[in-house]
């Protein structure tokens, strides 16, 4: 189910490792938790590192603020002893490295990957909203090759946002430079899988941008656990990390938004 991400995230405890999802490069897995829920867990010990988990959290928070169909996101407490029962050494090692808090997304049983967007029933307004969302977050992973879109109960769902906010991997501890570069265009939006069926991106911008006021952005960033940020370069403290994400997102949302114009140009080129 979709869920409102506020200043605090729900924490559940993993009771059982059910099965790996080997189509994901980071080896996520379906787990059973102590709230009787099933979650797709992205592990802190996976090769993509903590910044991919942070991107997942921020994308989920923004997606929920925009009323986009993003599965509920929780923090999953993992006991490394859980791996002792796993016969696969790779999974054992991953679970041992992932002790503590990880990210879980509500499991959508029976969901199917979106094929061709035409004829899927996805409305032009929703498609435009997803394009706008991915352009805001510089998400490089919503292409025909790797759409990260599911259909569940005849509704579209957005998953796998670890590749969003890709510029964070090149940041230095310089908030002024982050602010200067935040509003950059995003040429890869031209590869977005939903562009051929999207409505006006400018109209989506008018609908969605007002929902992301500074207080809401601050609330989303505050939900990132300190131990996701502590000791993570290039910033010396969790507070400094949060300031960087706030600076970047505020810069992306500041008018005029060149990335919105670019997304609309890309849409017009394919319709």
C-alpha atoms as a PDB file:
ATOM      1  CA  UNK A   1       0.000   0.000   0.000  1.00  0.00           C
ATOM      2  CA  UNK A   2       1.043   3.596  -0.490  1.00  0.00           C
ATOM      3  CA  UNK A   3       2.090   5.295   2.714  1.00  0.00           C
ATOM      4  CA  UNK A   4       2.703   8.812   3.942  1.00  0.00           C
ATOM      5  CA  UNK A   5       6.379   9.190   4.830  1.00  0.00           C
ATOM      6  CA  UNK A   6       6.695  11.596   7.715  1.00  0.00           C
ATOM      7  CA  UNK A   7       9.441  12.633  10.110  1.00  0.00           C
ATOM      8  CA  UNK A   8       9.702   9.065  11.435  1.00  0.00           C
ATOM      9  CA  UNK A   9       9.648   5.732   9.647  1.00  0.00           C
ATOM     10  CA  UNK A  10       7.994   2.612  10.951  1.00  0.00           C
ATOM     11  CA  UNK A  11      10.532   0.007  12.117  1.00  0.00           C
ATOM     12  CA  UNK A  12       9.826  -3.703  11.752  1.00  0.00           C
ATOM     13  CA  UNK A  13      11.965  -6.688  12.718  1.00  0.00           C
ATOM     14  CA  UNK A  14      12.864  -9.337  10.172  1.00  0.00           C
ATOM     15  CA  UNK A  15      11.714 -12.783  11.294  1.00  0.00           C
ATOM     16  CA  UNK A  16      12.417 -14.872   8.199  1.00  0.00           C
ATOM     17  CA  UNK A  17      14.444 -14.565   5.026  1.00  0.00           C
ATOM     18  CA  UNK A  18      12.076 -15.921   2.365  1.00  0.00           C
ATOM     19  CA  UNK A  19      13.796 -15.743  -1.018  1.00  0.00           C
ATOM     20  CA  UNK A  20      16.387 -13.665  -2.894  1.00  0.00           C
ATOM     21  CA  UNK A  21      15.420 -11.593  -5.927  1.00  0.00           C
ATOM     22  CA  UNK A  22      18.377 -12.378  -8.129  1.00  0.00           C
ATOM     23  CA  UNK A  23      17.282 -10.134 -10.984  1.00  0.00           C
ATOM     24  CA  UNK A  24      18.459  -7.215  -8.849  1.00  0.00           C
ATOM     25  CA  UNK A  25      22.190  -6.557  -8.904  1.00  0.00           C
ATOM     26  CA  UNK A  26      22.198  -5.750  -5.166  1.00  0.00           C
ATOM     27  CA  UNK A  27      20.553  -9.098  -4.278  1.00  0.00           C
ATOM     28  CA  UNK A  28      17.439  -7.739  -2.535  1.00  0.00           C
ATOM     29  CA  UNK A  29      15.149 -10.292  -0.931  1.00  0.00           C
ATOM     30  CA  UNK A  30      11.613 -10.936   0.202  1.00  0.00           C
ATOM     31  CA  UNK A  31      11.439 -11.212   3.982  1.00  0.00           C
ATOM     32  CA  UNK A  32       8.722 -11.742   6.569  1.00  0.00           C
ATOM     33  CA  UNK A  33       8.550  -9.219   9.415  1.00  0.00           C
ATOM     34  CA  UNK A  34       7.086  -9.131  12.916  1.00  0.00           C
ATOM     35  CA  UNK A  35       4.090  -7.049  11.777  1.00  0.00           C
ATOM     36  CA  UNK A  36       2.948 -10.029   9.630  1.00  0.00           C
ATOM     37  CA  UNK A  37       3.973  -8.087   6.526  1.00  0.00           C
ATOM     38  CA  UNK A  38       6.178  -9.161   3.639  1.00  0.00           C
ATOM     39  CA  UNK A  39       8.775  -6.732   2.349  1.00  0.00           C
ATOM     40  CA  UNK A  40      11.330  -6.449  -0.428  1.00  0.00           C
ATOM     41  CA  UNK A  41      14.458  -5.535   1.512  1.00  0.00           C
ATOM     42  CA  UNK A  42      17.391  -3.556   0.146  1.00  0.00           C
ATOM     43  CA  UNK A  43      20.417  -4.420   2.280  1.00  0.00           C
ATOM     44  CA  UNK A  44      22.945  -1.978   3.682  1.00  0.00           C
ATOM     45  CA  UNK A  45      25.718  -4.503   3.028  1.00  0.00           C
ATOM     46  CA  UNK A  46      25.027  -4.709  -0.729  1.00  0.00           C
ATOM     47  CA  UNK A  47      27.541  -3.494  -3.268  1.00  0.00           C
ATOM     48  CA  UNK A  48      25.681  -0.292  -4.182  1.00  0.00           C
ATOM     49  CA  UNK A  49      26.368   1.092  -0.710  1.00  0.00           C
ATOM     50  CA  UNK A  50      24.480   3.318   1.685  1.00  0.00           C
ATOM     51  CA  UNK A  51      23.896   6.145  -0.794  1.00  0.00           C
ATOM     52  CA  UNK A  52      21.609   3.892  -2.822  1.00  0.00           C
ATOM     53  CA  UNK A  53      19.521   3.289   0.309  1.00  0.00           C
ATOM     54  CA  UNK A  54      19.415   7.018   1.016  1.00  0.00           C
ATOM     55  CA  UNK A  55      18.207   7.645  -2.539  1.00  0.00           C
ATOM     56  CA  UNK A  56      15.476   5.041  -1.976  1.00  0.00           C
ATOM     57  CA  UNK A  57      14.316   6.793   1.186  1.00  0.00           C
ATOM     58  CA  UNK A  58      14.284  10.268  -0.325  1.00  0.00           C
ATOM     59  CA  UNK A  59      12.527   9.069  -3.481  1.00  0.00           C
ATOM     60  CA  UNK A  60       9.906   7.259  -1.401  1.00  0.00           C
ATOM     61  CA  UNK A  61       9.290  10.331   0.730  1.00  0.00           C
ATOM     62  CA  UNK A  62       8.933  12.599  -2.271  1.00  0.00           C
ATOM     63  CA  UNK A  63       6.811  10.078  -4.133  1.00  0.00           C
ATOM     64  CA  UNK A  64       4.413   9.853  -1.206  1.00  0.00           C
ATOM     65  CA  UNK A  65       4.301  13.643  -0.850  1.00  0.00           C
ATOM     66  CA  UNK A  66       3.288  13.828  -4.520  1.00  0.00           C
ATOM     67  CA  UNK A  67       0.643  11.096  -4.070  1.00  0.00           C
ATOM     68  CA  UNK A  68       2.441   8.891  -6.585  1.00  0.00           C
ATOM     69  CA  UNK A  69       2.053   5.104  -6.287  1.00  0.00           C
ATOM     70  CA  UNK A  70       5.169   4.154  -4.319  1.00  0.00           C
ATOM     71  CA  UNK A  71       4.929   1.130  -1.984  1.00  0.00           C
ATOM     72  CA  UNK A  72       5.050   1.728   1.754  1.00  0.00           C
ATOM     73  CA  UNK A  73       8.642   2.114   2.913  1.00  0.00           C
ATOM     74  CA  UNK A  74       9.823   0.885   6.318  1.00  0.00           C
ATOM     75  CA  UNK A  75      13.065   0.336   8.167  1.00  0.00           C
ATOM     76  CA  UNK A  76      13.817  -3.353   8.692  1.00  0.00           C
ATOM     77  CA  UNK A  77      15.880  -4.424  11.708  1.00  0.00           C
ATOM     78  CA  UNK A  78      18.040  -7.405  10.788  1.00  0.00           C
ATOM     79  CA  UNK A  79      19.747  -9.774  13.204  1.00  0.00           C
ATOM     80  CA  UNK A  80      22.903 -11.147  11.530  1.00  0.00           C
ATOM     81  CA  UNK A  81      22.201 -14.540  13.130  1.00  0.00           C
ATOM     82  CA  UNK A  82      19.419 -14.872  10.555  1.00  0.00           C
ATOM     83  CA  UNK A  83      22.064 -15.765   7.979  1.00  0.00           C
ATOM     84  CA  UNK A  84      23.243 -18.833   9.853  1.00  0.00           C
ATOM     85  CA  UNK A  85      20.364 -20.862   8.433  1.00  0.00           C
ATOM     86  CA  UNK A  86      21.100 -19.883   4.835  1.00  0.00           C
ATOM     87  CA  UNK A  87      22.946 -22.495   2.752  1.00  0.00           C
ATOM     88  CA  UNK A  88      24.142 -19.944   0.166  1.00  0.00           C
ATOM     89  CA  UNK A  89      27.474 -18.415   1.309  1.00  0.00           C
ATOM     90  CA  UNK A  90      26.802 -15.229  -0.695  1.00  0.00           C
ATOM     91  CA  UNK A  91      23.517 -14.666   1.142  1.00  0.00           C
ATOM     92  CA  UNK A  92      25.100 -15.523   4.499  1.00  0.00           C
ATOM     93  CA  UNK A  93      27.796 -12.924   3.924  1.00  0.00           C
ATOM     94  CA  UNK A  94      25.300 -10.285   2.803  1.00  0.00           C
ATOM     95  CA  UNK A  95      23.099 -10.779   5.886  1.00  0.00           C
ATOM     96  CA  UNK A  96      26.107 -10.621   8.212  1.00  0.00           C
ATOM     97  CA  UNK A  97      27.209  -7.318   6.623  1.00  0.00           C
ATOM     98  CA  UNK A  98      23.680  -5.929   6.884  1.00  0.00           C
ATOM     99  CA  UNK A  99      23.140  -6.147  10.638  1.00  0.00           C
ATOM    100  CA  UNK A 100      20.965  -3.303  11.903  1.00  0.00           C
ATOM    101  CA  UNK A 101      18.596  -1.137   9.904  1.00  0.00           C
ATOM    102  CA  UNK A 102      17.860  -1.785   6.237  1.00  0.00           C
ATOM    103  CA  UNK A 103      15.096  -0.555   3.907  1.00  0.00           C
ATOM    104  CA  UNK A 104      11.968  -2.530   3.159  1.00  0.00           C
ATOM    105  CA  UNK A 105       9.318  -1.868   0.517  1.00  0.00           C
ATOM    106  CA  UNK A 106       5.877  -3.393   0.806  1.00  0.00           C
ATOM    107  CA  UNK A 107       5.854  -6.616  -1.250  1.00  0.00           C
ATOM    108  CA  UNK A 108       3.241  -6.615  -4.020  1.00  0.00           C
ATOM    109  CA  UNK A 109       2.444 -10.316  -4.575  1.00  0.00           C
ATOM    110  CA  UNK A 110       1.466 -11.225  -8.089  1.00  0.00           C
ATOM    111  CA  UNK A 111       2.605  -7.923  -9.577  1.00  0.00           C
ATOM    112  CA  UNK A 112       3.928  -7.927 -13.132  1.00  0.00           C
ATOM    113  CA  UNK A 113       6.533  -5.730 -14.822  1.00  0.00           C
ATOM    114  CA  UNK A 114       5.039  -3.066 -17.056  1.00  0.00           C
ATOM    115  CA  UNK A 115       5.573  -3.977 -20.681  1.00  0.00           C
ATOM    116  CA  UNK A 116       4.919  -1.426 -23.378  1.00  0.00           C
ATOM    117  CA  UNK A 117       3.270   1.616 -21.757  1.00  0.00           C
ATOM    118  CA  UNK A 118       0.785   2.032 -24.617  1.00  0.00           C
ATOM    119  CA  UNK A 119      -2.430   0.194 -23.753  1.00  0.00           C
ATOM    120  CA  UNK A 120      -1.413  -0.260 -20.109  1.00  0.00           C
ATOM    121  CA  UNK A 121      -4.186   1.978 -18.834  1.00  0.00           C
ATOM    122  CA  UNK A 122      -1.721   4.465 -17.345  1.00  0.00           C
ATOM    123  CA  UNK A 123      -3.232   7.925 -17.739  1.00  0.00           C
ATOM    124  CA  UNK A 124      -1.330  10.748 -19.463  1.00  0.00           C
ATOM    125  CA  UNK A 125      -1.495  12.785 -16.245  1.00  0.00           C
ATOM    126  CA  UNK A 126       0.029   9.996 -14.141  1.00  0.00           C
ATOM    127  CA  UNK A 127       2.702   9.308 -16.770  1.00  0.00           C
ATOM    128  CA  UNK A 128       3.597  13.015 -16.806  1.00  0.00           C
ATOM    129  CA  UNK A 129       3.781  13.034 -13.020  1.00  0.00           C
ATOM    130  CA  UNK A 130       6.196  10.104 -13.032  1.00  0.00           C
ATOM    131  CA  UNK A 131       8.365  11.782 -15.680  1.00  0.00           C
ATOM    132  CA  UNK A 132       8.414  14.983 -13.592  1.00  0.00           C
ATOM    133  CA  UNK A 133       9.296  13.019 -10.439  1.00  0.00           C
ATOM    134  CA  UNK A 134      12.155  11.187 -12.154  1.00  0.00           C
ATOM    135  CA  UNK A 135      13.503  14.387 -13.711  1.00  0.00           C
ATOM    136  CA  UNK A 136      13.454  16.081 -10.306  1.00  0.00           C
ATOM    137  CA  UNK A 137      15.429  13.192  -8.811  1.00  0.00           C
ATOM    138  CA  UNK A 138      17.708  12.673 -11.845  1.00  0.00           C
ATOM    139  CA  UNK A 139      16.646   9.036 -11.927  1.00  0.00           C
ATOM    140  CA  UNK A 140      18.602   7.247 -14.661  1.00  0.00           C
ATOM    141  CA  UNK A 141      16.723   3.975 -14.176  1.00  0.00           C
ATOM    142  CA  UNK A 142      13.269   4.334 -15.763  1.00  0.00           C
ATOM    143  CA  UNK A 143      14.076   3.385 -19.344  1.00  0.00           C
ATOM    144  CA  UNK A 144      12.539   0.772 -21.686  1.00  0.00           C
ATOM    145  CA  UNK A 145      15.496  -1.438 -20.846  1.00  0.00           C
ATOM    146  CA  UNK A 146      14.939  -1.148 -17.097  1.00  0.00           C
ATOM    147  CA  UNK A 147      11.604   0.577 -16.354  1.00  0.00           C
ATOM    148  CA  UNK A 148      11.224  -0.343 -12.662  1.00  0.00           C
ATOM    149  CA  UNK A 149       7.448  -0.150 -13.024  1.00  0.00           C
ATOM    150  CA  UNK A 150       4.989  -2.783 -11.843  1.00  0.00           C
ATOM    151  CA  UNK A 151       1.311  -3.377 -12.489  1.00  0.00           C
ATOM    152  CA  UNK A 152      -0.520  -4.629  -9.421  1.00  0.00           C
ATOM    153  CA  UNK A 153      -4.304  -4.817  -9.165  1.00  0.00           C
ATOM    154  CA  UNK A 154      -4.398  -2.915 -12.463  1.00  0.00           C
ATOM    155  CA  UNK A 155      -2.507   0.006 -10.950  1.00  0.00           C
ATOM    156  CA  UNK A 156       0.964   1.309 -11.725  1.00  0.00           C
ATOM    157  CA  UNK A 157       3.591   1.151  -8.955  1.00  0.00           C
ATOM    158  CA  UNK A 158       7.038   2.761  -8.897  1.00  0.00           C
ATOM    159  CA  UNK A 159       9.939   0.733  -7.485  1.00  0.00           C
ATOM    160  CA  UNK A 160      13.751   0.705  -7.252  1.00  0.00           C
ATOM    161  CA  UNK A 161      15.035   4.257  -6.838  1.00  0.00           C
ATOM    162  CA  UNK A 162      18.579   3.489  -5.735  1.00  0.00           C
ATOM    163  CA  UNK A 163      19.983   5.034  -8.923  1.00  0.00           C
ATOM    164  CA  UNK A 164      18.217   8.372  -8.323  1.00  0.00           C
ATOM    165  CA  UNK A 165      20.125  11.435  -7.084  1.00  0.00           C
ATOM    166  CA  UNK A 166      23.164  10.128  -8.934  1.00  0.00           C
ATOM    167  CA  UNK A 167      25.018  13.444  -8.538  1.00  0.00           C
ATOM    168  CA  UNK A 168      25.392  12.714  -4.815  1.00  0.00           C
ATOM    169  CA  UNK A 169      28.206  10.326  -5.718  1.00  0.00           C
ATOM    170  CA  UNK A 170      30.332  13.222  -7.004  1.00  0.00           C
ATOM    171  CA  UNK A 171      29.614  15.774  -4.258  1.00  0.00           C
ATOM    172  CA  UNK A 172      32.372  17.416  -2.242  1.00  0.00           C
ATOM    173  CA  UNK A 173      31.798  19.008   1.151  1.00  0.00           C
ATOM    174  CA  UNK A 174      30.841  22.295  -0.505  1.00  0.00           C
ATOM    175  CA  UNK A 175      27.202  23.306  -0.117  1.00  0.00           C
ATOM    176  CA  UNK A 176      27.671  26.357  -2.333  1.00  0.00           C
ATOM    177  CA  UNK A 177      28.812  24.164  -5.236  1.00  0.00           C
ATOM    178  CA  UNK A 178      25.918  21.769  -4.642  1.00  0.00           C
ATOM    179  CA  UNK A 179      23.513  24.719  -4.777  1.00  0.00           C
ATOM    180  CA  UNK A 180      25.017  26.059  -8.007  1.00  0.00           C
ATOM    181  CA  UNK A 181      24.754  22.697  -9.786  1.00  0.00           C
ATOM    182  CA  UNK A 182      21.410  21.576  -8.358  1.00  0.00           C
ATOM    183  CA  UNK A 183      19.214  23.021 -11.101  1.00  0.00           C
ATOM    184  CA  UNK A 184      21.071  21.383 -13.967  1.00  0.00           C
ATOM    185  CA  UNK A 185      19.193  19.947 -16.922  1.00  0.00           C
ATOM    186  CA  UNK A 186      18.796  16.184 -17.079  1.00  0.00           C
ATOM    187  CA  UNK A 187      19.351  14.999 -20.668  1.00  0.00           C
ATOM    188  CA  UNK A 188      18.683  11.338 -19.858  1.00  0.00           C
ATOM    189  CA  UNK A 189      15.007  12.109 -19.301  1.00  0.00           C
ATOM    190  CA  UNK A 190      14.744  11.624 -23.071  1.00  0.00           C
ATOM    191  CA  UNK A 191      15.055   7.871 -22.458  1.00  0.00           C
ATOM    192  CA  UNK A 192      12.110   7.729 -20.041  1.00  0.00           C
ATOM    193  CA  UNK A 193       9.796   4.802 -20.751  1.00  0.00           C
ATOM    194  CA  UNK A 194       6.587   6.789 -20.112  1.00  0.00           C
ATOM    195  CA  UNK A 195       7.354   9.800 -22.319  1.00  0.00           C
ATOM    196  CA  UNK A 196       5.362   8.456 -25.321  1.00  0.00           C
ATOM    197  CA  UNK A 197       2.122   8.414 -23.302  1.00  0.00           C
ATOM    198  CA  UNK A 198       2.773  11.349 -20.967  1.00  0.00           C
ATOM    199  CA  UNK A 199       0.669  14.485 -20.876  1.00  0.00           C
ATOM    200  CA  UNK A 200       2.133  17.962 -20.505  1.00  0.00           C
ATOM    201  CA  UNK A 201       5.148  18.064 -18.180  1.00  0.00           C
ATOM    202  CA  UNK A 202       4.512  21.772 -17.608  1.00  0.00           C
ATOM    203  CA  UNK A 203       1.023  20.945 -16.332  1.00  0.00           C
ATOM    204  CA  UNK A 204       2.499  18.249 -14.107  1.00  0.00           C
ATOM    205  CA  UNK A 205       4.963  20.809 -12.783  1.00  0.00           C
ATOM    206  CA  UNK A 206       2.131  23.174 -11.886  1.00  0.00           C
ATOM    207  CA  UNK A 207       0.348  20.363 -10.015  1.00  0.00           C
ATOM    208  CA  UNK A 208       3.289  18.814  -8.217  1.00  0.00           C
ATOM    209  CA  UNK A 209       5.890  21.451  -7.382  1.00  0.00           C
ATOM    210  CA  UNK A 210       3.652  23.246  -4.812  1.00  0.00           C
ATOM    211  CA  UNK A 211       3.398  20.015  -2.807  1.00  0.00           C
ATOM    212  CA  UNK A 212       7.112  20.061  -2.034  1.00  0.00           C
ATOM    213  CA  UNK A 213       7.424  23.056   0.261  1.00  0.00           C
ATOM    214  CA  UNK A 214      10.640  23.464   2.315  1.00  0.00           C
ATOM    215  CA  UNK A 215       9.050  22.043   5.465  1.00  0.00           C
ATOM    216  CA  UNK A 216       8.024  18.871   3.641  1.00  0.00           C
ATOM    217  CA  UNK A 217      11.477  18.404   2.131  1.00  0.00           C
ATOM    218  CA  UNK A 218      13.082  18.905   5.536  1.00  0.00           C
ATOM    219  CA  UNK A 219      10.731  16.293   7.019  1.00  0.00           C
ATOM    220  CA  UNK A 220      11.660  13.769   4.317  1.00  0.00           C
ATOM    221  CA  UNK A 221      15.392  14.296   4.806  1.00  0.00           C
ATOM    222  CA  UNK A 222      15.001  14.129   8.600  1.00  0.00           C
ATOM    223  CA  UNK A 223      13.618  10.583   8.210  1.00  0.00           C
ATOM    224  CA  UNK A 224      17.038   9.295   7.084  1.00  0.00           C
ATOM    225  CA  UNK A 225      18.504   7.417  10.088  1.00  0.00           C
ATOM    226  CA  UNK A 226      21.701   8.873  11.525  1.00  0.00           C
ATOM    227  CA  UNK A 227      23.508   5.556  11.142  1.00  0.00           C
ATOM    228  CA  UNK A 228      22.884   5.645   7.386  1.00  0.00           C
ATOM    229  CA  UNK A 229      24.853   8.900   7.291  1.00  0.00           C
ATOM    230  CA  UNK A 230      27.421   8.687  10.065  1.00  0.00           C
ATOM    231  CA  UNK A 231      30.934   8.202   8.694  1.00  0.00           C
ATOM    232  CA  UNK A 232      29.755   8.357   5.076  1.00  0.00           C
ATOM    233  CA  UNK A 233      31.980  10.602   2.931  1.00  0.00           C
ATOM    234  CA  UNK A 234      32.301  13.389   2.025  1.00  0.00           C
ATOM    235  CA  UNK A 235      30.501  14.973   4.994  1.00  0.00           C
ATOM    236  CA  UNK A 236      31.655  14.928   8.592  1.00  0.00           C
ATOM    237  CA  UNK A 237      28.267  14.544  10.271  1.00  0.00           C
ATOM    238  CA  UNK A 238      24.686  13.439   9.633  1.00  0.00           C
ATOM    239  CA  UNK A 239      23.598  17.076   9.982  1.00  0.00           C
ATOM    240  CA  UNK A 240      25.972  18.107   7.209  1.00  0.00           C
ATOM    241  CA  UNK A 241      24.684  15.279   4.996  1.00  0.00           C
ATOM    242  CA  UNK A 242      21.112  16.402   5.527  1.00  0.00           C
ATOM    243  CA  UNK A 243      22.069  19.979   4.727  1.00  0.00           C
ATOM    244  CA  UNK A 244      23.521  18.775   1.414  1.00  0.00           C
ATOM    245  CA  UNK A 245      20.335  16.919   0.432  1.00  0.00           C
ATOM    246  CA  UNK A 246      18.197  19.894   1.446  1.00  0.00           C
ATOM    247  CA  UNK A 247      20.415  22.229  -0.583  1.00  0.00           C
ATOM    248  CA  UNK A 248      20.261  20.007  -3.639  1.00  0.00           C
ATOM    249  CA  UNK A 249      16.509  19.470  -3.543  1.00  0.00           C
ATOM    250  CA  UNK A 250      15.796  23.144  -2.872  1.00  0.00           C
ATOM    251  CA  UNK A 251      17.949  24.005  -5.861  1.00  0.00           C
ATOM    252  CA  UNK A 252      16.136  21.504  -8.065  1.00  0.00           C
ATOM    253  CA  UNK A 253      12.804  23.042  -7.103  1.00  0.00           C
ATOM    254  CA  UNK A 254      13.861  26.669  -7.486  1.00  0.00           C
ATOM    255  CA  UNK A 255      12.320  28.466 -10.462  1.00  0.00           C
ATOM    256  CA  UNK A 256      12.936  28.603 -13.331  1.00  0.00           C
ATOM    257  CA  UNK A 257      13.263  24.823 -13.638  1.00  0.00           C
ATOM    258  CA  UNK A 258      15.266  24.113 -16.784  1.00  0.00           C
ATOM    259  CA  UNK A 259      14.867  20.369 -16.285  1.00  0.00           C
ATOM    260  CA  UNK A 260      11.089  20.737 -16.639  1.00  0.00           C
ATOM    261  CA  UNK A 261      11.485  22.524 -19.974  1.00  0.00           C
ATOM    262  CA  UNK A 262      13.872  19.802 -21.107  1.00  0.00           C
ATOM    263  CA  UNK A 263      11.419  17.050 -20.155  1.00  0.00           C
ATOM    264  CA  UNK A 264       8.621  18.803 -22.067  1.00  0.00           C
ATOM    265  CA  UNK A 265      10.885  19.192 -25.117  1.00  0.00           C
ATOM    266  CA  UNK A 266      11.677  15.475 -24.920  1.00  0.00           C
ATOM    267  CA  UNK A 267       7.980  14.603 -24.693  1.00  0.00           C
ATOM    268  CA  UNK A 268       7.109  16.687 -27.720  1.00  0.00           C
ATOM    269  CA  UNK A 269       9.865  14.978 -29.678  1.00  0.00           C
ATOM    270  CA  UNK A 270       8.304  11.534 -29.229  1.00  0.00           C
ATOM    271  CA  UNK A 271       4.559  12.176 -29.421  1.00  0.00           C
END
